[in-house]
C-alpha atoms as a PDB file:
ATOM      1  CA  MET A   1     -84.954  52.213 -36.202  1.00  0.00           C
ATOM      2  CA  LYS A   2     -85.567  54.049 -39.491  1.00  0.00           C
ATOM      3  CA  TRP A   3     -86.322  57.242 -37.624  1.00  0.00           C
ATOM      4  CA  LEU A   4     -83.017  56.996 -35.777  1.00  0.00           C
ATOM      5  CA  LYS A   5     -81.105  56.699 -39.057  1.00  0.00           C
ATOM      6  CA  GLY A   6     -83.044  59.695 -40.422  1.00  0.00           C
ATOM      7  CA  ILE A   7     -82.180  61.793 -37.389  1.00  0.00           C
ATOM      8  CA  ALA A   8     -78.499  60.818 -37.621  1.00  0.00           C
ATOM      9  CA  VAL A   9     -78.339  61.735 -41.323  1.00  0.00           C
ATOM     10  CA  ALA A  10     -80.095  65.043 -40.665  1.00  0.00           C
ATOM     11  CA  LEU A  11     -77.649  65.896 -37.870  1.00  0.00           C
ATOM     12  CA  VAL A  12     -74.651  65.114 -40.084  1.00  0.00           C
ATOM     13  CA  VAL A  13     -76.041  67.280 -42.896  1.00  0.00           C
ATOM     14  CA  ILE A  14     -76.800  70.153 -40.508  1.00  0.00           C
ATOM     15  CA  PHE A  15     -73.307  69.933 -39.015  1.00  0.00           C
ATOM     16  CA  ALA A  16     -71.710  69.896 -42.481  1.00  0.00           C
ATOM     17  CA  LEU A  17     -73.711  72.948 -43.562  1.00  0.00           C
ATOM     18  CA  PHE A  18     -72.856  74.796 -40.361  1.00  0.00           C
ATOM     19  CA  TYR A  19     -69.165  73.955 -40.815  1.00  0.00           C
ATOM     20  CA  MET A  20     -69.194  75.112 -44.449  1.00  0.00           C
ATOM     21  CA  ILE A  21     -70.884  78.397 -43.542  1.00  0.00           C
ATOM     22  CA  SER A  22     -68.831  79.189 -40.438  1.00  0.00           C
ATOM     23  CA  ARG A  23     -65.415  77.983 -41.695  1.00  0.00           C
ATOM     24  CA  PRO A  24     -65.408  77.715 -45.493  1.00  0.00           C
ATOM     25  CA  GLU A  25     -61.608  77.571 -45.828  1.00  0.00           C
ATOM     26  CA  ASP A  26     -61.326  74.721 -43.353  1.00  0.00           C
ATOM     27  CA  ALA A  27     -64.201  72.880 -45.018  1.00  0.00           C
ATOM     28  CA  ALA A  28     -62.458  73.198 -48.380  1.00  0.00           C
ATOM     29  CA  ASN A  29     -59.242  71.828 -46.862  1.00  0.00           C
ATOM     30  CA  VAL A  30     -61.141  68.836 -45.462  1.00  0.00           C
ATOM     31  CA  VAL A  31     -62.657  68.076 -48.870  1.00  0.00           C
ATOM     32  CA  GLN A  32     -59.283  68.455 -50.611  1.00  0.00           C
ATOM     33  CA  GLY A  33     -57.690  66.129 -48.070  1.00  0.00           C
ATOM     34  CA  ALA A  34     -60.412  63.528 -48.497  1.00  0.00           C
ATOM     35  CA  LEU A  35     -60.180  63.648 -52.287  1.00  0.00           C
ATOM     36  CA  GLY A  36     -56.392  63.437 -52.068  1.00  0.00           C
ATOM     37  CA  ALA A  37     -56.692  60.316 -49.935  1.00  0.00           C
ATOM     38  CA  VAL A  38     -59.059  58.708 -52.446  1.00  0.00           C
ATOM     39  CA  VAL A  39     -56.714  59.519 -55.345  1.00  0.00           C
ATOM     40  CA  SER A  40     -53.718  58.181 -53.431  1.00  0.00           C
ATOM     41  CA  ALA A  41     -55.542  54.965 -52.544  1.00  0.00           C
ATOM     42  CA  THR A  42     -56.615  54.493 -56.165  1.00  0.00           C
ATOM     43  CA  GLU A  43     -53.051  54.980 -57.381  1.00  0.00           C
ATOM     44  CA  SER A  44     -51.790  52.486 -54.810  1.00  0.00           C
ATOM     45  CA  VAL A  45     -54.313  49.862 -55.903  1.00  0.00           C
ATOM     46  CA  GLY A  46     -53.333  50.480 -59.525  1.00  0.00           C
ATOM     47  CA  ARG A  47     -49.649  50.024 -58.706  1.00  0.00           C
ATOM     48  CA  PHE A  48     -50.462  46.819 -56.830  1.00  0.00           C
ATOM     49  CA  PHE A  49     -52.279  45.289 -59.781  1.00  0.00           C
ATOM     50  CA  SER A  50     -49.591  46.497 -62.196  1.00  0.00           C
ATOM     51  CA  SER A  51     -46.936  44.759 -60.117  1.00  0.00           C
ATOM     52  CA  LEU A  52     -49.012  41.582 -60.102  1.00  0.00           C
ATOM     53  CA  ALA A  53     -49.268  41.638 -63.891  1.00  0.00           C
ATOM     54  CA  SER A  54     -45.552  42.097 -64.472  1.00  0.00           C
END
């Protein structure tokens, strides 16, 4: 099973590199969107705990 996980990780890395090389603008937009989602989720959790405290 370890070899299957290794192959899957390698395929994901190869696909990501291919995507970054062939469409760098789109890859940058994907990363910005993902980071924006993480920031938004973090802010939401912070607001939740702030509302619990008050």
